[in-house]
N, C-alpha and C. Protein backbone atom coordinates (compact mmCIF):
# COMPACT_ATOMS: atom_id res chain seq x y z
N MET A 1 63.82 101.03 114.45
CA MET A 1 64.16 100.83 115.66
C MET A 1 65.20 101.87 116.19
N LEU A 2 66.09 102.34 115.29
CA LEU A 2 67.21 103.44 115.67
C LEU A 2 66.91 104.62 114.56
N ARG A 3 66.19 104.57 113.92
CA ARG A 3 65.83 105.68 112.97
C ARG A 3 65.88 107.15 113.59
N ASN A 4 65.53 107.42 114.97
CA ASN A 4 65.33 108.72 115.45
C ASN A 4 66.55 108.87 116.55
N SER A 5 67.43 108.00 116.60
CA SER A 5 68.55 108.07 117.58
C SER A 5 69.39 109.26 116.94
N LYS A 6 70.00 109.77 117.98
CA LYS A 6 70.92 111.01 117.48
C LYS A 6 72.22 110.56 117.75
N ALA A 7 72.66 109.62 116.73
CA ALA A 7 74.02 108.85 116.55
C ALA A 7 75.06 109.76 116.58
N PHE A 8 76.10 109.40 117.14
CA PHE A 8 77.38 110.27 117.03
C PHE A 8 78.54 109.15 116.77
N SER A 9 79.83 109.76 116.11
CA SER A 9 80.89 108.82 115.74
C SER A 9 81.90 108.92 117.00
N GLY A 10 82.93 107.86 116.90
CA GLY A 10 83.79 108.13 117.91
C GLY A 10 85.01 107.26 117.40
N PHE A 11 86.25 107.73 117.85
CA PHE A 11 87.17 106.71 117.31
C PHE A 11 88.54 106.95 118.31
N ALA A 12 89.38 106.08 118.13
CA ALA A 12 90.37 105.99 119.14
C ALA A 12 91.86 106.42 118.86
N VAL A 13 92.70 106.76 119.62
CA VAL A 13 94.04 107.16 119.70
C VAL A 13 94.71 106.69 120.66
N ASP A 14 96.19 106.64 120.48
CA ASP A 14 97.10 106.18 121.46
C ASP A 14 97.48 107.03 122.54
N ASP A 15 97.62 108.53 122.18
CA ASP A 15 98.44 109.31 122.69
C ASP A 15 97.23 110.57 122.69
N LEU A 16 96.30 110.65 123.88
CA LEU A 16 95.31 111.63 123.80
C LEU A 16 95.92 113.01 123.81
N GLU A 17 97.06 113.16 124.42
CA GLU A 17 97.51 114.65 124.48
C GLU A 17 98.01 115.03 123.11
N ALA A 18 98.91 114.21 122.60
CA ALA A 18 99.20 114.58 121.18
C ALA A 18 98.18 114.51 120.19
N ALA A 19 96.99 113.84 120.37
CA ALA A 19 95.56 114.08 119.59
C ALA A 19 95.13 115.44 119.97
N ARG A 20 95.08 115.79 121.01
CA ARG A 20 94.39 116.91 121.57
C ARG A 20 94.99 117.96 120.88
N ALA A 21 96.38 117.93 120.99
CA ALA A 21 97.34 119.17 120.62
C ALA A 21 97.17 119.31 119.04
N PHE A 22 97.00 118.35 118.19
CA PHE A 22 96.97 118.24 116.75
C PHE A 22 95.39 118.59 116.43
N TYR A 23 94.52 117.99 117.12
CA TYR A 23 93.05 118.79 116.64
C TYR A 23 92.95 119.97 117.04
N GLU A 24 93.27 120.52 118.34
CA GLU A 24 93.09 121.79 118.57
C GLU A 24 94.13 122.62 117.85
N GLY A 25 95.53 122.66 117.83
CA GLY A 25 96.28 123.44 117.43
C GLY A 25 96.57 123.49 115.89
N THR A 26 96.48 122.47 115.36
CA THR A 26 96.92 122.20 113.99
C THR A 26 95.51 122.27 113.12
N LEU A 27 94.37 121.62 113.35
CA LEU A 27 93.28 121.67 112.92
C LEU A 27 92.32 122.78 113.24
N GLY A 28 92.67 123.44 114.60
CA GLY A 28 91.75 124.34 115.03
C GLY A 28 90.43 124.22 115.68
N LEU A 29 90.23 122.86 116.07
CA LEU A 29 88.95 122.51 116.52
C LEU A 29 88.81 122.78 117.72
N GLU A 30 87.69 123.15 118.61
CA GLU A 30 87.54 123.10 119.83
C GLU A 30 87.34 121.58 120.48
N VAL A 31 88.29 121.37 121.44
CA VAL A 31 88.36 120.20 122.09
C VAL A 31 87.91 120.36 123.48
N VAL A 32 86.79 119.31 123.87
CA VAL A 32 86.51 119.45 125.47
C VAL A 32 86.41 118.32 126.11
N GLU A 33 86.92 118.19 127.26
CA GLU A 33 87.07 116.94 128.15
C GLU A 33 85.53 116.60 128.66
N VAL A 34 85.48 115.39 128.09
CA VAL A 34 84.02 114.64 128.61
C VAL A 34 84.29 113.86 129.78
N ASP A 35 85.26 113.22 129.72
CA ASP A 35 85.56 112.11 130.93
C ASP A 35 86.81 112.25 131.08
N PRO A 36 87.58 113.21 131.99
CA PRO A 36 89.11 113.36 132.13
C PRO A 36 89.51 112.06 132.71
N ASP A 37 89.00 111.39 133.60
CA ASP A 37 89.58 110.24 134.47
C ASP A 37 89.49 109.10 133.26
N GLY A 38 88.34 109.13 132.38
CA GLY A 38 88.30 107.77 131.44
C GLY A 38 89.20 108.26 130.01
N GLY A 39 89.87 109.33 129.92
CA GLY A 39 90.37 109.46 128.78
C GLY A 39 89.51 109.60 127.39
N VAL A 40 88.51 110.64 127.70
CA VAL A 40 87.65 110.93 126.80
C VAL A 40 87.45 112.51 126.26
N LEU A 41 87.70 112.71 125.00
CA LEU A 41 87.57 114.12 124.67
C LEU A 41 86.41 114.21 123.67
N GLU A 42 86.08 115.49 123.55
CA GLU A 42 84.79 115.53 122.34
C GLU A 42 85.51 116.60 121.40
N LEU A 43 85.45 116.36 120.36
CA LEU A 43 85.67 117.17 118.99
C LEU A 43 84.29 118.06 118.66
N ARG A 44 84.48 119.46 118.86
CA ARG A 44 83.59 120.19 118.46
C ARG A 44 83.50 120.67 116.97
N THR A 45 82.69 120.19 116.33
CA THR A 45 82.83 120.52 114.89
C THR A 45 81.62 121.78 114.56
N GLY A 46 81.46 122.02 113.45
CA GLY A 46 80.62 122.84 113.02
C GLY A 46 79.02 122.23 112.60
N ALA A 47 79.17 120.97 112.74
CA ALA A 47 77.93 120.01 112.65
C ALA A 47 76.94 120.10 113.92
N ASP A 48 75.87 119.46 113.72
CA ASP A 48 75.02 119.46 114.93
C ASP A 48 75.42 118.29 115.86
N ARG A 49 76.48 117.45 115.41
CA ARG A 49 76.83 116.05 116.10
C ARG A 49 78.40 116.24 116.30
N ASN A 50 78.73 116.13 117.57
CA ASN A 50 80.19 116.27 117.97
C ASN A 50 80.83 114.86 117.84
N VAL A 51 81.98 114.96 117.77
CA VAL A 51 82.63 113.66 117.70
C VAL A 51 83.57 113.10 118.91
N VAL A 52 83.46 111.96 119.44
CA VAL A 52 84.19 111.68 120.57
C VAL A 52 85.69 110.85 120.21
N MET A 53 86.48 111.26 120.92
CA MET A 53 87.92 110.75 120.73
C MET A 53 88.43 110.15 121.94
N TYR A 54 88.85 108.99 121.88
CA TYR A 54 89.39 108.23 123.26
C TYR A 54 90.75 107.52 123.30
N GLN A 55 91.07 107.53 124.23
CA GLN A 55 92.63 106.63 124.15
C GLN A 55 92.37 105.35 124.55
N SER A 56 93.12 104.48 123.79
CA SER A 56 92.93 103.22 123.81
C SER A 56 94.37 102.51 123.98
N GLY A 57 94.45 101.74 125.00
CA GLY A 57 95.78 100.95 125.01
C GLY A 57 95.82 99.94 124.01
N THR A 58 94.90 99.36 123.34
CA THR A 58 95.15 98.17 122.35
C THR A 58 94.75 99.03 120.95
N PHE A 59 95.04 100.31 120.74
CA PHE A 59 94.85 100.91 119.58
C PHE A 59 95.60 100.46 118.34
N THR A 60 95.18 100.37 117.14
CA THR A 60 95.57 100.15 116.07
C THR A 60 94.91 101.04 114.87
N PRO A 61 95.63 101.89 114.10
CA PRO A 61 95.05 102.77 113.11
C PRO A 61 94.30 102.06 112.08
N GLY A 62 93.33 102.55 111.62
CA GLY A 62 92.56 101.85 110.38
C GLY A 62 93.17 102.24 109.24
N SER A 63 92.77 101.85 108.23
CA SER A 63 93.21 101.80 106.77
C SER A 63 92.26 102.91 106.10
N ALA A 64 91.26 103.24 106.47
CA ALA A 64 90.15 103.89 105.78
C ALA A 64 89.91 104.99 106.41
N THR A 65 89.33 106.24 105.97
CA THR A 65 89.09 107.33 106.39
C THR A 65 88.02 107.44 107.60
N ILE A 66 88.65 108.07 108.78
CA ILE A 66 87.59 107.84 109.92
C ILE A 66 86.72 109.09 110.07
N LEU A 67 87.17 110.47 109.57
CA LEU A 67 86.56 111.55 109.55
C LEU A 67 86.82 112.46 108.40
N ASN A 68 85.81 113.07 107.79
CA ASN A 68 85.83 113.85 106.77
C ASN A 68 85.32 115.33 106.93
N PHE A 69 86.08 116.45 106.43
CA PHE A 69 85.71 117.78 106.72
C PHE A 69 85.79 118.60 105.77
N PRO A 70 84.22 118.57 105.22
CA PRO A 70 83.86 119.46 104.11
C PRO A 70 84.19 120.74 103.98
N VAL A 71 84.79 121.44 103.14
CA VAL A 71 85.29 122.89 103.03
C VAL A 71 84.98 123.44 101.80
N ASP A 72 84.79 124.57 101.79
CA ASP A 72 84.36 125.27 100.64
C ASP A 72 85.66 125.52 99.54
N ASP A 73 86.75 125.89 100.15
CA ASP A 73 87.89 126.11 99.50
C ASP A 73 89.05 125.20 99.75
N LEU A 74 88.87 124.17 98.94
CA LEU A 74 89.79 122.91 99.19
C LEU A 74 91.44 123.19 99.13
N ASP A 75 91.63 123.90 98.13
CA ASP A 75 92.89 124.24 98.11
C ASP A 75 93.60 125.39 98.93
N ARG A 76 92.79 126.43 99.11
CA ARG A 76 93.26 127.10 100.44
C ARG A 76 93.57 126.28 101.85
N VAL A 77 92.45 125.39 101.97
CA VAL A 77 92.74 124.73 103.48
C VAL A 77 93.94 123.62 103.07
N VAL A 78 93.96 123.11 102.09
CA VAL A 78 95.15 122.26 101.85
C VAL A 78 96.68 123.13 102.17
N ASP A 79 96.64 124.06 101.55
CA ASP A 79 97.68 124.98 101.57
C ASP A 79 98.06 125.44 103.04
N GLU A 80 96.91 125.71 103.84
CA GLU A 80 97.05 126.22 105.20
C GLU A 80 97.42 125.05 106.06
N LEU A 81 96.96 123.95 105.84
CA LEU A 81 97.27 122.70 106.55
C LEU A 81 98.93 122.36 106.11
N ALA A 82 99.20 122.15 105.09
CA ALA A 82 100.48 122.00 104.58
C ALA A 82 101.53 122.99 105.14
N ALA A 83 101.18 124.19 105.08
CA ALA A 83 101.95 125.33 106.08
C ALA A 83 102.27 124.82 107.59
N GLY A 84 101.10 124.28 108.05
CA GLY A 84 101.40 123.74 109.45
C GLY A 84 101.77 122.52 109.69
N ASP A 85 102.67 122.03 108.77
CA ASP A 85 103.27 120.58 108.56
C ASP A 85 102.27 119.39 108.69
N VAL A 86 100.98 119.54 108.04
CA VAL A 86 100.41 118.44 107.68
C VAL A 86 100.90 117.94 106.47
N ARG A 87 101.20 116.40 106.26
CA ARG A 87 101.75 115.98 105.12
C ARG A 87 100.44 115.31 104.52
N PHE A 88 100.15 115.33 103.13
CA PHE A 88 99.14 114.84 102.54
C PHE A 88 99.62 113.10 101.91
N GLU A 89 98.54 112.41 102.09
CA GLU A 89 98.95 110.90 101.71
C GLU A 89 98.69 110.96 100.30
N ARG A 90 99.51 109.89 99.66
CA ARG A 90 99.26 109.60 98.28
C ARG A 90 98.65 108.17 98.06
N TYR A 91 98.03 108.06 97.26
CA TYR A 91 97.53 106.67 96.94
C TYR A 91 97.44 106.39 95.55
N ASP A 92 97.95 105.42 94.93
CA ASP A 92 98.18 105.04 93.57
C ASP A 92 96.95 104.89 92.82
N GLU A 93 95.78 104.46 93.60
CA GLU A 93 94.58 104.33 92.67
C GLU A 93 93.91 105.65 92.41
N PHE A 94 94.36 106.72 93.00
CA PHE A 94 93.69 108.08 92.60
C PHE A 94 94.55 108.90 91.81
N PRO A 95 93.96 109.73 90.69
CA PRO A 95 94.66 110.82 90.26
C PRO A 95 94.85 112.00 91.19
N GLN A 96 96.10 112.24 91.91
CA GLN A 96 96.26 113.60 92.72
C GLN A 96 97.29 114.27 91.96
N ASP A 97 97.03 115.69 92.48
CA ASP A 97 97.83 116.83 92.01
C ASP A 97 99.03 116.83 92.93
N ASP A 98 99.88 118.01 92.66
CA ASP A 98 101.20 118.12 93.36
C ASP A 98 100.74 118.36 94.84
N LYS A 99 99.47 118.75 95.17
CA LYS A 99 99.33 119.29 96.50
C LYS A 99 98.63 117.76 97.26
N GLY A 100 98.40 117.05 96.45
CA GLY A 100 97.95 115.66 96.99
C GLY A 100 96.14 115.41 96.83
N ILE A 101 95.65 116.39 96.22
CA ILE A 101 94.02 116.52 95.83
C ILE A 101 93.79 115.65 94.80
N VAL A 102 92.82 115.02 95.13
CA VAL A 102 92.26 113.99 93.86
C VAL A 102 91.61 114.98 92.99
N ARG A 103 91.81 114.92 91.93
CA ARG A 103 91.02 115.40 90.59
C ARG A 103 91.09 114.73 89.59
N GLY A 104 89.76 114.81 89.24
CA GLY A 104 89.39 113.74 88.06
C GLY A 104 87.88 113.48 87.75
N PRO A 105 87.41 113.41 86.62
CA PRO A 105 86.15 113.39 86.15
C PRO A 105 85.46 112.25 87.03
N GLY A 106 84.29 112.47 87.52
CA GLY A 106 83.51 111.76 88.37
C GLY A 106 83.85 111.42 89.71
N LEU A 107 84.95 112.04 90.22
CA LEU A 107 85.71 111.81 91.41
C LEU A 107 85.35 113.01 92.26
N PRO A 108 85.35 112.87 93.77
CA PRO A 108 85.15 113.89 94.53
C PRO A 108 86.62 114.72 94.78
N GLU A 109 86.66 115.93 94.84
CA GLU A 109 87.86 116.52 95.04
C GLU A 109 88.17 116.44 96.74
N VAL A 110 89.24 115.61 96.90
CA VAL A 110 89.26 115.18 98.39
C VAL A 110 91.09 115.17 98.53
N ALA A 111 91.54 115.32 99.58
CA ALA A 111 92.70 115.12 100.17
C ALA A 111 92.91 114.47 101.43
N TRP A 112 93.70 113.64 101.59
CA TRP A 112 93.77 112.69 102.75
C TRP A 112 95.03 112.98 103.62
N PHE A 113 94.99 112.91 105.04
CA PHE A 113 96.00 113.12 105.77
C PHE A 113 95.85 112.39 107.32
N LYS A 114 96.89 112.38 107.77
CA LYS A 114 96.83 111.26 109.17
C LYS A 114 97.16 112.17 110.42
N ASP A 115 96.13 111.95 111.45
CA ASP A 115 96.81 112.37 112.75
C ASP A 115 97.85 111.86 113.37
N PRO A 116 98.35 112.27 114.56
CA PRO A 116 99.34 111.74 115.13
C PRO A 116 99.36 110.02 115.47
N ALA A 117 98.01 109.51 115.53
CA ALA A 117 97.91 108.47 115.91
C ALA A 117 97.82 107.31 114.46
N GLY A 118 97.87 108.18 113.41
CA GLY A 118 97.69 107.20 112.33
C GLY A 118 96.32 106.98 111.65
N ASN A 119 95.53 107.76 112.40
CA ASN A 119 94.18 107.65 111.70
C ASN A 119 94.11 108.26 110.43
N VAL A 120 93.22 108.08 109.49
CA VAL A 120 93.30 108.77 108.14
C VAL A 120 92.06 109.83 108.44
N LEU A 121 92.39 110.91 108.05
CA LEU A 121 91.41 112.16 107.68
C LEU A 121 91.35 112.69 106.47
N SER A 122 90.25 113.26 106.17
CA SER A 122 90.18 114.13 104.72
C SER A 122 89.67 115.49 105.01
N VAL A 123 89.89 116.09 104.01
CA VAL A 123 89.24 117.42 103.57
C VAL A 123 88.69 117.15 102.39
N ILE A 124 87.47 117.54 101.97
CA ILE A 124 87.01 117.25 100.83
C ILE A 124 85.94 118.49 100.44
N ARG A 125 86.06 118.90 99.23
CA ARG A 125 85.15 120.00 98.60
C ARG A 125 83.83 119.76 98.96
N GLU A 126 83.33 120.89 99.65
CA GLU A 126 81.57 120.70 99.80
C GLU A 126 80.94 120.98 98.55
N ARG A 127 80.12 120.08 98.35
CA ARG A 127 79.22 120.19 97.23
C ARG A 127 78.05 120.98 97.30
């Protein structure tokens, strides 16, 4: 029934302007107003599907990753984000190095961080 649907993802934030500044300024994404009156923005990514971001008055951040950014050079990207004041999350159940990157046999190389709303994002080494 939905096999050929061109699905896209979306997520909520509690402060659209703070989120826009983070996604544009810190992460370097193009952010486009889709519905200025309704508080809806679109994140333009390198993929063929963009991501919708909207303001919610009843927002509560989730505890799982909402958006993953595959990158070729994970160490370089983590260093650049850290230089821009991004703080990487630590999780006891994963072996993470000093930068916060998961490294271990059979595990993806990934580092998690949060946006201003508390949503969990990741940069992950592209395979």
